[in-house]
């Protein structure tokens, strides 16, 4: 069941718009981001809370935590670190195995409408009967995740849940809401904390709004 909106942090652009010179960012990005929306420390605190919520909803059965690459890997790494210490329904630590899947759907700031998945047929078949937790960086329109979930359902996992650090508030949304949400963010193209723009900005700790000059500089030709 999707997380109730009251349980996530709603980032409003007029209230969550920190000046760049108030935080440390790599000097090569000074002109490429417009503002900082979510500082790194706030991201980490929120992930710690999400780990507690997620673990508390599982029993002692092992779960397969699947990182959606590339953008999801930092969130995945930090979430796993906290989940190792979190307790399940029985008050015990949660047994986990880790998996990785690459899903490609973007070029520049637009979704291509096509979903390319890296897992082999054998790897997908091995998901049958397992409890799967997909870890994603951002849900934009939701179309990519819906297509991915449809594909995975064909391989009959026991359960599939999705944890996304960000959920974009966009009129283009198909209505999909993940099971776990860290922050709901404005309809901006956001980068940092391993969210990228054509593979740039993954080395930025904070989540920021990209500037127009940044889009132009790093657009694919």
Protein backbone atom coordinates (compact mmCIF):
# COMPACT_ATOMS: atom_id res chain seq x y z
CA UNK A 1 0.00 0.00 0.00
CA UNK A 2 1.40 3.45 -0.90
CA UNK A 3 2.65 5.59 1.96
CA UNK A 4 0.16 8.18 3.17
CA UNK A 5 1.25 11.74 2.24
CA UNK A 6 1.21 12.71 5.91
CA UNK A 7 4.15 10.34 6.45
CA UNK A 8 6.56 11.95 3.99
CA UNK A 9 8.30 15.34 4.03
CA UNK A 10 6.75 17.78 1.57
CA UNK A 11 9.51 19.99 0.16
CA UNK A 12 8.09 23.36 -0.89
CA UNK A 13 10.31 25.47 -3.10
CA UNK A 14 9.66 28.72 -1.22
CA UNK A 15 10.58 27.16 2.15
CA UNK A 16 13.25 24.65 1.15
CA UNK A 17 15.46 26.89 -0.97
CA UNK A 18 18.85 27.27 0.65
CA UNK A 19 21.54 29.55 -0.74
CA UNK A 20 24.48 27.79 -2.32
CA UNK A 21 27.04 29.78 -0.33
CA UNK A 22 25.55 28.53 2.96
CA UNK A 23 26.80 24.98 2.27
CA UNK A 24 29.84 23.25 0.86
CA UNK A 25 29.49 22.17 -2.78
CA UNK A 26 32.18 21.28 -5.34
CA UNK A 27 33.53 24.46 -6.91
CA UNK A 28 33.00 23.15 -10.43
CA UNK A 29 29.21 23.25 -9.85
CA UNK A 30 28.93 26.81 -8.50
CA UNK A 31 27.16 28.12 -11.61
CA UNK A 32 25.35 24.89 -12.43
CA UNK A 33 22.84 24.66 -9.57
CA UNK A 34 20.20 27.21 -8.74
CA UNK A 35 19.60 26.35 -5.07
CA UNK A 36 19.92 23.60 -2.47
CA UNK A 37 16.56 21.95 -1.77
CA UNK A 38 17.60 19.21 0.69
CA UNK A 39 20.91 19.43 2.57
CA UNK A 40 22.86 16.20 3.03
CA UNK A 41 22.32 16.00 6.79
CA UNK A 42 18.54 16.13 6.39
CA UNK A 43 18.73 13.41 3.74
CA UNK A 44 20.60 11.11 6.11
CA UNK A 45 18.21 11.66 9.03
CA UNK A 46 15.24 10.91 6.81
CA UNK A 47 16.83 7.71 5.50
CA UNK A 48 17.42 6.53 9.06
CA UNK A 49 13.70 6.96 9.76
CA UNK A 50 12.69 5.20 6.54
CA UNK A 51 14.88 2.23 7.49
CA UNK A 52 13.01 1.90 10.79
CA UNK A 53 9.61 2.11 9.09
CA UNK A 54 10.50 -0.44 6.40
CA UNK A 55 12.05 -3.01 8.75
CA UNK A 56 9.11 -2.80 11.15
CA UNK A 57 6.69 -3.94 8.43
CA UNK A 58 8.50 -7.20 7.64
CA UNK A 59 8.60 -10.45 9.60
CA UNK A 60 11.61 -12.77 9.89
CA UNK A 61 11.46 -13.89 6.25
CA UNK A 62 14.47 -12.83 4.17
CA UNK A 63 13.97 -9.96 1.73
CA UNK A 64 15.83 -9.16 -1.49
CA UNK A 65 16.74 -5.47 -1.50
CA UNK A 66 17.24 -4.44 -5.11
CA UNK A 67 19.08 -1.25 -6.04
CA UNK A 68 17.83 0.54 -9.14
CA UNK A 69 21.03 1.83 -10.77
CA UNK A 70 22.63 4.23 -11.28
CA UNK A 71 20.92 7.01 -9.35
CA UNK A 72 19.63 4.79 -6.55
CA UNK A 73 22.99 3.46 -5.42
CA UNK A 74 23.80 6.11 -2.80
CA UNK A 75 20.32 5.93 -1.27
CA UNK A 76 20.54 2.13 -1.41
CA UNK A 77 23.93 2.08 0.34
CA UNK A 78 22.85 4.41 3.14
CA UNK A 79 19.44 2.73 3.55
CA UNK A 80 21.03 -0.73 3.87
CA UNK A 81 23.46 0.59 6.49
CA UNK A 82 20.54 1.76 8.63
CA UNK A 83 18.37 -1.28 7.93
CA UNK A 84 21.11 -3.56 9.27
CA UNK A 85 20.49 -1.99 12.68
CA UNK A 86 16.69 -1.72 12.42
CA UNK A 87 14.27 -4.25 13.93
CA UNK A 88 11.46 -6.19 12.22
CA UNK A 89 7.98 -7.05 13.53
CA UNK A 90 9.45 -9.58 15.95
CA UNK A 91 11.97 -7.10 17.32
CA UNK A 92 14.82 -8.85 15.53
CA UNK A 93 17.26 -7.77 12.85
CA UNK A 94 16.08 -8.26 9.28
CA UNK A 95 17.74 -10.89 7.04
CA UNK A 96 18.54 -9.41 3.63
CA UNK A 97 20.23 -10.25 0.35
CA UNK A 98 21.25 -7.58 -2.13
CA UNK A 99 20.56 -7.33 -5.85
CA UNK A 100 21.12 -4.70 -8.54
CA UNK A 101 19.17 -3.72 -11.64
CA UNK A 102 19.87 -1.00 -14.17
CA UNK A 103 16.86 0.75 -15.67
CA UNK A 104 17.35 3.37 -18.39
CA UNK A 105 14.58 5.77 -19.42
CA UNK A 106 16.04 9.32 -19.58
CA UNK A 107 17.94 11.42 -22.08
CA UNK A 108 18.62 14.99 -20.98
CA UNK A 109 15.55 15.95 -18.86
CA UNK A 110 12.97 13.92 -20.79
CA UNK A 111 11.79 10.35 -20.41
CA UNK A 112 12.22 8.37 -23.62
CA UNK A 113 9.22 6.17 -22.85
CA UNK A 114 11.35 3.05 -23.21
CA UNK A 115 12.55 0.98 -20.26
CA UNK A 116 15.74 -1.04 -20.61
CA UNK A 117 16.50 -3.57 -17.86
CA UNK A 118 19.93 -5.07 -17.19
CA UNK A 119 18.98 -8.30 -15.37
CA UNK A 120 19.28 -11.54 -17.31
CA UNK A 121 16.37 -13.94 -17.78
CA UNK A 122 17.97 -16.33 -15.30
CA UNK A 123 18.35 -13.58 -12.68
CA UNK A 124 14.73 -12.53 -13.12
CA UNK A 125 13.51 -16.12 -12.75
CA UNK A 126 15.37 -16.39 -9.45
CA UNK A 127 13.04 -13.74 -7.97
CA UNK A 128 10.12 -16.18 -7.93
CA UNK A 129 8.62 -16.58 -4.45
CA UNK A 130 10.85 -13.93 -2.89
CA UNK A 131 10.05 -10.72 -1.03
CA UNK A 132 11.47 -7.90 -3.14
CA UNK A 133 12.17 -4.32 -2.05
CA UNK A 134 13.11 -1.99 -4.92
CA UNK A 135 15.19 1.02 -3.92
CA UNK A 136 14.89 3.97 -6.31
CA UNK A 137 16.24 7.52 -6.22
CA UNK A 138 13.19 9.36 -7.63
CA UNK A 139 9.71 8.68 -8.96
CA UNK A 140 9.01 11.25 -11.66
CA UNK A 141 5.98 10.50 -13.85
CA UNK A 142 5.83 6.98 -12.39
CA UNK A 143 5.65 5.41 -15.85
CA UNK A 144 9.07 3.78 -15.63
CA UNK A 145 8.34 2.17 -12.26
CA UNK A 146 4.93 0.93 -13.38
CA UNK A 147 6.53 -0.73 -16.40
CA UNK A 148 9.25 -2.25 -14.23
CA UNK A 149 6.71 -3.58 -11.72
CA UNK A 150 4.69 -5.07 -14.57
CA UNK A 151 7.79 -6.83 -15.85
CA UNK A 152 8.76 -8.18 -12.43
CA UNK A 153 5.24 -9.45 -11.75
CA UNK A 154 5.65 -11.86 -14.66
CA UNK A 155 8.32 -13.67 -12.60
CA UNK A 156 5.98 -14.20 -9.60
CA UNK A 157 7.84 -12.75 -6.60
CA UNK A 158 5.98 -13.26 -3.30
CA UNK A 159 5.81 -9.51 -2.70
CA UNK A 160 7.18 -6.34 -4.25
CA UNK A 161 7.52 -3.02 -2.45
CA UNK A 162 9.21 0.19 -3.58
CA UNK A 163 11.18 2.69 -1.49
CA UNK A 164 11.95 5.96 -3.25
CA UNK A 165 13.93 8.78 -1.71
CA UNK A 166 12.04 11.35 -3.79
CA UNK A 167 8.57 11.65 -5.31
CA UNK A 168 8.20 14.49 -7.81
CA UNK A 169 5.02 16.59 -7.64
CA UNK A 170 4.38 16.85 -11.35
CA UNK A 171 1.16 17.19 -13.38
CA UNK A 172 2.61 14.54 -15.70
CA UNK A 173 2.39 11.89 -12.97
CA UNK A 174 0.50 8.72 -13.87
CA UNK A 175 -0.68 8.57 -10.26
CA UNK A 176 1.78 5.94 -9.05
CA UNK A 177 2.94 6.39 -5.44
CA UNK A 178 5.57 4.06 -3.93
CA UNK A 179 5.23 2.19 -0.65
CA UNK A 180 7.87 4.32 1.04
CA UNK A 181 8.73 7.97 0.27
CA UNK A 182 11.45 10.15 1.76
CA UNK A 183 10.57 13.55 0.32
CA UNK A 184 7.99 14.93 -2.10
CA UNK A 185 9.82 17.52 -4.23
CA UNK A 186 8.66 20.35 -6.53
CA UNK A 187 8.36 19.88 -10.28
CA UNK A 188 12.00 20.75 -10.92
CA UNK A 189 14.85 18.73 -12.38
CA UNK A 190 16.85 17.86 -9.26
CA UNK A 191 20.44 16.65 -9.06
CA UNK A 192 22.92 15.60 -6.40
CA UNK A 193 23.16 12.75 -3.88
CA UNK A 194 23.82 10.59 -6.96
CA UNK A 195 20.85 11.91 -8.95
CA UNK A 196 22.29 12.87 -12.29
CA UNK A 197 21.82 14.94 -15.40
CA UNK A 198 23.39 12.92 -18.22
CA UNK A 199 25.67 11.25 -15.63
CA UNK A 200 26.83 14.60 -14.17
CA UNK A 201 26.31 15.79 -10.54
CA UNK A 202 26.61 12.36 -8.90
CA UNK A 203 29.51 13.80 -6.86
CA UNK A 204 27.28 16.45 -5.24
CA UNK A 205 26.18 15.62 -1.66
CA UNK A 206 23.10 17.85 -1.44
CA UNK A 207 19.94 17.59 -3.54
CA UNK A 208 19.76 20.73 -5.67
CA UNK A 209 17.75 22.33 -8.45
CA UNK A 210 19.83 22.46 -11.63
CA UNK A 211 20.24 25.89 -13.23
CA UNK A 212 19.50 26.67 -16.87
CA UNK A 213 23.20 27.18 -17.49
CA UNK A 214 23.87 23.76 -15.97
CA UNK A 215 21.34 22.14 -18.31
CA UNK A 216 22.94 23.82 -21.29
CA UNK A 217 26.51 22.99 -20.27
CA UNK A 218 25.88 19.27 -19.71
CA UNK A 219 23.21 18.52 -22.33
CA UNK A 220 23.99 15.65 -24.68
CA UNK A 221 24.83 16.78 -28.19
